[in-house]
Amino acid sequence: PPPTAYAALQGWDLVDSGKNLDWDSNTKYGTSVTNAVNLWNGHKSGVIRPDNIWVVEDVFVSDFYEVSTTLGETCSCGTIKLNDYHYVTMTADQRTKTTTHEFGHALGLDHTSGSTDIMQQGKLSITSLSQTDKDSYDAAYLTGEGEDC
């Protein structure tokens, strides 16, 4: 089926041809990564999974330090970077929301503006997926929208 009117897709994703997003990391915010993966996998089980010796990672999560308003960033080249400048002072819920948001970009989701959406920008304490987040994810996954790098 075509994407719904409320689907927010960005035009690219890091999901591989097997419909998985395999990740690896070198971040001190592992709990936030685990929480983010669990949130997305709670809606669509098993899509996001850690890489292993037989699977090449689709996305690598790491930290960076930059004095800026950027909380995190996801690149179509296969990286998620978490800004330590902000993360060190964020609450656990804010870190979970931001990390989940960045994984959403890796899944092909764009920004939204709903007050309960993980995919809205900002240092917020949202720790569950909204219906818009779920519908956008479903549309990205089912339609194959977006292009791998």
C-alpha atoms as a PDB file:
ATOM      1  CA  PRO A   1       0.000   0.000   0.000  1.00  0.00           C
ATOM      2  CA  PRO A   2       1.137   3.582  -0.550  1.00  0.00           C
ATOM      3  CA  PRO A   3       2.453   5.594   2.408  1.00  0.00           C
ATOM      4  CA  THR A   4      -0.204   7.267   4.492  1.00  0.00           C
ATOM      5  CA  ALA A   5      -0.618  11.035   4.502  1.00  0.00           C
ATOM      6  CA  TYR A   6       0.926  11.218   7.965  1.00  0.00           C
ATOM      7  CA  ALA A   7       4.047   9.236   7.102  1.00  0.00           C
ATOM      8  CA  ALA A   8       7.181  11.344   7.500  1.00  0.00           C
ATOM      9  CA  LEU A   9       9.858   9.804   5.270  1.00  0.00           C
ATOM     10  CA  GLN A  10      13.203  11.428   4.495  1.00  0.00           C
ATOM     11  CA  GLY A  11      14.059   9.736   1.182  1.00  0.00           C
ATOM     12  CA  TRP A  12      16.958   7.532   2.378  1.00  0.00           C
ATOM     13  CA  ASP A  13      17.579   4.882   4.997  1.00  0.00           C
ATOM     14  CA  LEU A  14      20.301   2.553   6.222  1.00  0.00           C
ATOM     15  CA  VAL A  15      18.151  -0.584   6.249  1.00  0.00           C
ATOM     16  CA  ASP A  16      19.835  -3.306   4.182  1.00  0.00           C
ATOM     17  CA  SER A  17      18.302  -5.401   1.418  1.00  0.00           C
ATOM     18  CA  GLY A  18      17.412  -8.073   3.990  1.00  0.00           C
ATOM     19  CA  LYS A  19      15.205  -5.494   5.769  1.00  0.00           C
ATOM     20  CA  ASN A  20      17.513  -5.256   8.778  1.00  0.00           C
ATOM     21  CA  LEU A  21      19.435  -2.442  10.383  1.00  0.00           C
ATOM     22  CA  ASP A  22      22.574  -4.027  11.821  1.00  0.00           C
ATOM     23  CA  TRP A  23      24.502  -1.780  14.184  1.00  0.00           C
ATOM     24  CA  ASP A  24      27.745  -1.631  16.090  1.00  0.00           C
ATOM     25  CA  SER A  25      29.010   1.065  18.425  1.00  0.00           C
ATOM     26  CA  ASN A  26      31.797   2.699  20.334  1.00  0.00           C
ATOM     27  CA  THR A  27      29.750   4.981  22.559  1.00  0.00           C
ATOM     28  CA  LYS A  28      29.672   5.529  26.289  1.00  0.00           C
ATOM     29  CA  TYR A  29      25.868   5.838  25.986  1.00  0.00           C
ATOM     30  CA  GLY A  30      25.203   2.137  25.464  1.00  0.00           C
ATOM     31  CA  THR A  31      22.145   2.179  27.713  1.00  0.00           C
ATOM     32  CA  SER A  32      20.571   4.833  25.480  1.00  0.00           C
ATOM     33  CA  VAL A  33      21.336   2.724  22.399  1.00  0.00           C
ATOM     34  CA  THR A  34      19.793  -0.358  24.030  1.00  0.00           C
ATOM     35  CA  ASN A  35      16.698   1.646  25.027  1.00  0.00           C
ATOM     36  CA  ALA A  36      16.346   3.063  21.495  1.00  0.00           C
ATOM     37  CA  VAL A  37      16.697  -0.347  19.850  1.00  0.00           C
ATOM     38  CA  ASN A  38      14.152  -1.810  22.285  1.00  0.00           C
ATOM     39  CA  LEU A  39      11.635   0.961  21.520  1.00  0.00           C
ATOM     40  CA  TRP A  40      11.788   0.465  17.741  1.00  0.00           C
ATOM     41  CA  ASN A  41      11.949  -3.344  18.023  1.00  0.00           C
ATOM     42  CA  GLY A  42       8.968  -3.218  20.383  1.00  0.00           C
ATOM     43  CA  HIS A  43       6.944  -2.003  17.413  1.00  0.00           C
ATOM     44  CA  LYS A  44       8.571  -4.141  14.697  1.00  0.00           C
ATOM     45  CA  SER A  45      10.495  -6.979  16.266  1.00  0.00           C
ATOM     46  CA  GLY A  46      13.993  -7.944  15.167  1.00  0.00           C
ATOM     47  CA  VAL A  47      14.595  -5.315  12.485  1.00  0.00           C
ATOM     48  CA  ILE A  48      17.340  -3.517  14.396  1.00  0.00           C
ATOM     49  CA  ARG A  49      19.979  -5.948  15.576  1.00  0.00           C
ATOM     50  CA  PRO A  50      23.608  -5.855  16.675  1.00  0.00           C
ATOM     51  CA  ASP A  51      26.063  -6.845  13.984  1.00  0.00           C
ATOM     52  CA  ASN A  52      28.147  -9.973  14.352  1.00  0.00           C
ATOM     53  CA  ILE A  53      31.199 -11.521  12.707  1.00  0.00           C
ATOM     54  CA  TRP A  54      29.053 -12.749   9.801  1.00  0.00           C
ATOM     55  CA  VAL A  55      27.157  -9.491   9.204  1.00  0.00           C
ATOM     56  CA  VAL A  56      28.554  -6.123   8.160  1.00  0.00           C
ATOM     57  CA  GLU A  57      27.103  -3.224  10.145  1.00  0.00           C
ATOM     58  CA  ASP A  58      24.684  -0.869   8.419  1.00  0.00           C
ATOM     59  CA  VAL A  59      25.206   1.855  11.009  1.00  0.00           C
ATOM     60  CA  PHE A  60      27.944   2.650  13.527  1.00  0.00           C
ATOM     61  CA  VAL A  61      27.092   4.638  16.673  1.00  0.00           C
ATOM     62  CA  SER A  62      29.770   6.833  18.245  1.00  0.00           C
ATOM     63  CA  ASP A  63      30.230  10.011  20.263  1.00  0.00           C
ATOM     64  CA  PHE A  64      31.592  13.385  19.297  1.00  0.00           C
ATOM     65  CA  TYR A  65      32.055  16.678  21.099  1.00  0.00           C
ATOM     66  CA  GLU A  66      30.907  19.894  19.490  1.00  0.00           C
ATOM     67  CA  VAL A  67      29.771  23.106  21.145  1.00  0.00           C
ATOM     68  CA  SER A  68      26.587  23.595  19.122  1.00  0.00           C
ATOM     69  CA  THR A  69      22.842  23.075  19.268  1.00  0.00           C
ATOM     70  CA  THR A  70      23.213  19.639  17.634  1.00  0.00           C
ATOM     71  CA  LEU A  71      22.212  16.829  20.010  1.00  0.00           C
ATOM     72  CA  GLY A  72      22.989  14.022  17.594  1.00  0.00           C
ATOM     73  CA  GLU A  73      23.283  13.382  13.891  1.00  0.00           C
ATOM     74  CA  THR A  74      22.658  10.541  11.484  1.00  0.00           C
ATOM     75  CA  CYS A  75      24.442  10.418   8.161  1.00  0.00           C
ATOM     76  CA  SER A  76      23.399   8.536   5.045  1.00  0.00           C
ATOM     77  CA  CYS A  77      26.985   7.238   4.996  1.00  0.00           C
ATOM     78  CA  GLY A  78      26.107   4.903   7.895  1.00  0.00           C
ATOM     79  CA  THR A  79      26.851   6.750  11.115  1.00  0.00           C
ATOM     80  CA  ILE A  80      24.950   7.955  14.147  1.00  0.00           C
ATOM     81  CA  LYS A  81      26.880  10.415  16.296  1.00  0.00           C
ATOM     82  CA  LEU A  82      25.808  11.478  19.789  1.00  0.00           C
ATOM     83  CA  ASN A  83      27.031  14.883  20.941  1.00  0.00           C
ATOM     84  CA  ASP A  84      28.765  14.513  24.293  1.00  0.00           C
ATOM     85  CA  TYR A  85      28.518  18.289  24.783  1.00  0.00           C
ATOM     86  CA  HIS A  86      24.797  17.795  25.437  1.00  0.00           C
ATOM     87  CA  TYR A  87      24.599  14.135  26.455  1.00  0.00           C
ATOM     88  CA  VAL A  88      26.633  14.594  29.656  1.00  0.00           C
ATOM     89  CA  THR A  89      23.977  16.969  31.062  1.00  0.00           C
ATOM     90  CA  MET A  90      20.877  15.287  29.632  1.00  0.00           C
ATOM     91  CA  THR A  91      18.577  13.107  31.706  1.00  0.00           C
ATOM     92  CA  ALA A  92      18.390   9.399  30.892  1.00  0.00           C
ATOM     93  CA  ASP A  93      14.990   9.992  29.250  1.00  0.00           C
ATOM     94  CA  GLN A  94      16.360  12.829  27.097  1.00  0.00           C
ATOM     95  CA  ARG A  95      19.257  10.633  25.985  1.00  0.00           C
ATOM     96  CA  THR A  96      16.859   7.774  25.170  1.00  0.00           C
ATOM     97  CA  LYS A  97      14.618  10.086  23.155  1.00  0.00           C
ATOM     98  CA  THR A  98      17.508  11.586  21.198  1.00  0.00           C
ATOM     99  CA  THR A  99      19.121   8.221  20.467  1.00  0.00           C
ATOM    100  CA  THR A 100      15.754   6.758  19.431  1.00  0.00           C
ATOM    101  CA  HIS A 101      15.232   9.805  17.193  1.00  0.00           C
ATOM    102  CA  GLU A 102      18.600   9.249  15.493  1.00  0.00           C
ATOM    103  CA  PHE A 103      17.834   5.555  14.930  1.00  0.00           C
ATOM    104  CA  GLY A 104      14.546   6.745  13.398  1.00  0.00           C
ATOM    105  CA  HIS A 105      16.542   8.642  10.774  1.00  0.00           C
ATOM    106  CA  ALA A 106      18.551   5.479  10.072  1.00  0.00           C
ATOM    107  CA  LEU A 107      15.211   3.703   9.522  1.00  0.00           C
ATOM    108  CA  GLY A 108      14.196   6.356   6.972  1.00  0.00           C
ATOM    109  CA  LEU A 109      12.053   8.676   9.098  1.00  0.00           C
ATOM    110  CA  ASP A 110      12.025  12.449   8.801  1.00  0.00           C
ATOM    111  CA  HIS A 111      11.233  15.079  11.430  1.00  0.00           C
ATOM    112  CA  THR A 112       7.680  15.523  12.644  1.00  0.00           C
ATOM    113  CA  SER A 113       6.054  18.167  14.796  1.00  0.00           C
ATOM    114  CA  GLY A 114       3.620  16.271  17.018  1.00  0.00           C
ATOM    115  CA  SER A 115       4.034  16.968  20.720  1.00  0.00           C
ATOM    116  CA  THR A 116       4.457  13.261  21.539  1.00  0.00           C
ATOM    117  CA  ASP A 117       6.557  12.249  18.516  1.00  0.00           C
ATOM    118  CA  ILE A 118      10.049  10.790  18.990  1.00  0.00           C
ATOM    119  CA  MET A 119      10.827  12.259  15.562  1.00  0.00           C
ATOM    120  CA  GLN A 120      10.281  15.867  16.634  1.00  0.00           C
ATOM    121  CA  GLN A 121      13.477  17.795  17.228  1.00  0.00           C
ATOM    122  CA  GLY A 122      14.557  18.933  20.669  1.00  0.00           C
ATOM    123  CA  LYS A 123      15.916  17.959  24.050  1.00  0.00           C
ATOM    124  CA  LEU A 124      12.756  16.226  25.239  1.00  0.00           C
ATOM    125  CA  SER A 125      11.911  13.377  27.607  1.00  0.00           C
ATOM    126  CA  ILE A 126       9.667  11.291  25.320  1.00  0.00           C
ATOM    127  CA  THR A 127      10.257   7.573  25.893  1.00  0.00           C
ATOM    128  CA  SER A 128       7.575   5.916  23.771  1.00  0.00           C
ATOM    129  CA  LEU A 129       6.696   5.910  20.088  1.00  0.00           C
ATOM    130  CA  SER A 130       3.691   7.979  19.020  1.00  0.00           C
ATOM    131  CA  GLN A 131       1.203   6.708  16.461  1.00  0.00           C
ATOM    132  CA  THR A 132       2.842   9.021  13.903  1.00  0.00           C
ATOM    133  CA  ASP A 133       6.258   7.484  14.653  1.00  0.00           C
ATOM    134  CA  LYS A 134       4.819   3.977  14.222  1.00  0.00           C
ATOM    135  CA  ASP A 135       2.896   4.842  11.052  1.00  0.00           C
ATOM    136  CA  SER A 136       5.965   6.498   9.524  1.00  0.00           C
ATOM    137  CA  TYR A 137       8.104   3.472  10.355  1.00  0.00           C
ATOM    138  CA  ASP A 138       5.500   1.112   8.898  1.00  0.00           C
ATOM    139  CA  ALA A 139       5.336   3.158   5.689  1.00  0.00           C
ATOM    140  CA  ALA A 140       9.136   3.292   5.349  1.00  0.00           C
ATOM    141  CA  TYR A 141       9.456  -0.440   5.970  1.00  0.00           C
ATOM    142  CA  LEU A 142       6.578  -1.610   3.781  1.00  0.00           C
ATOM    143  CA  THR A 143       7.100   0.638   0.779  1.00  0.00           C
ATOM    144  CA  GLY A 144      10.869   0.367   0.638  1.00  0.00           C
ATOM    145  CA  GLU A 145      11.052   4.163   0.392  1.00  0.00           C
ATOM    146  CA  GLY A 146      14.503   5.590   0.637  1.00  0.00           C
ATOM    147  CA  GLU A 147      17.747   4.460  -0.828  1.00  0.00           C
ATOM    148  CA  ASP A 148      20.682   2.747   0.773  1.00  0.00           C
ATOM    149  CA  CYS A 149      24.085   4.386   0.339  1.00  0.00           C
END
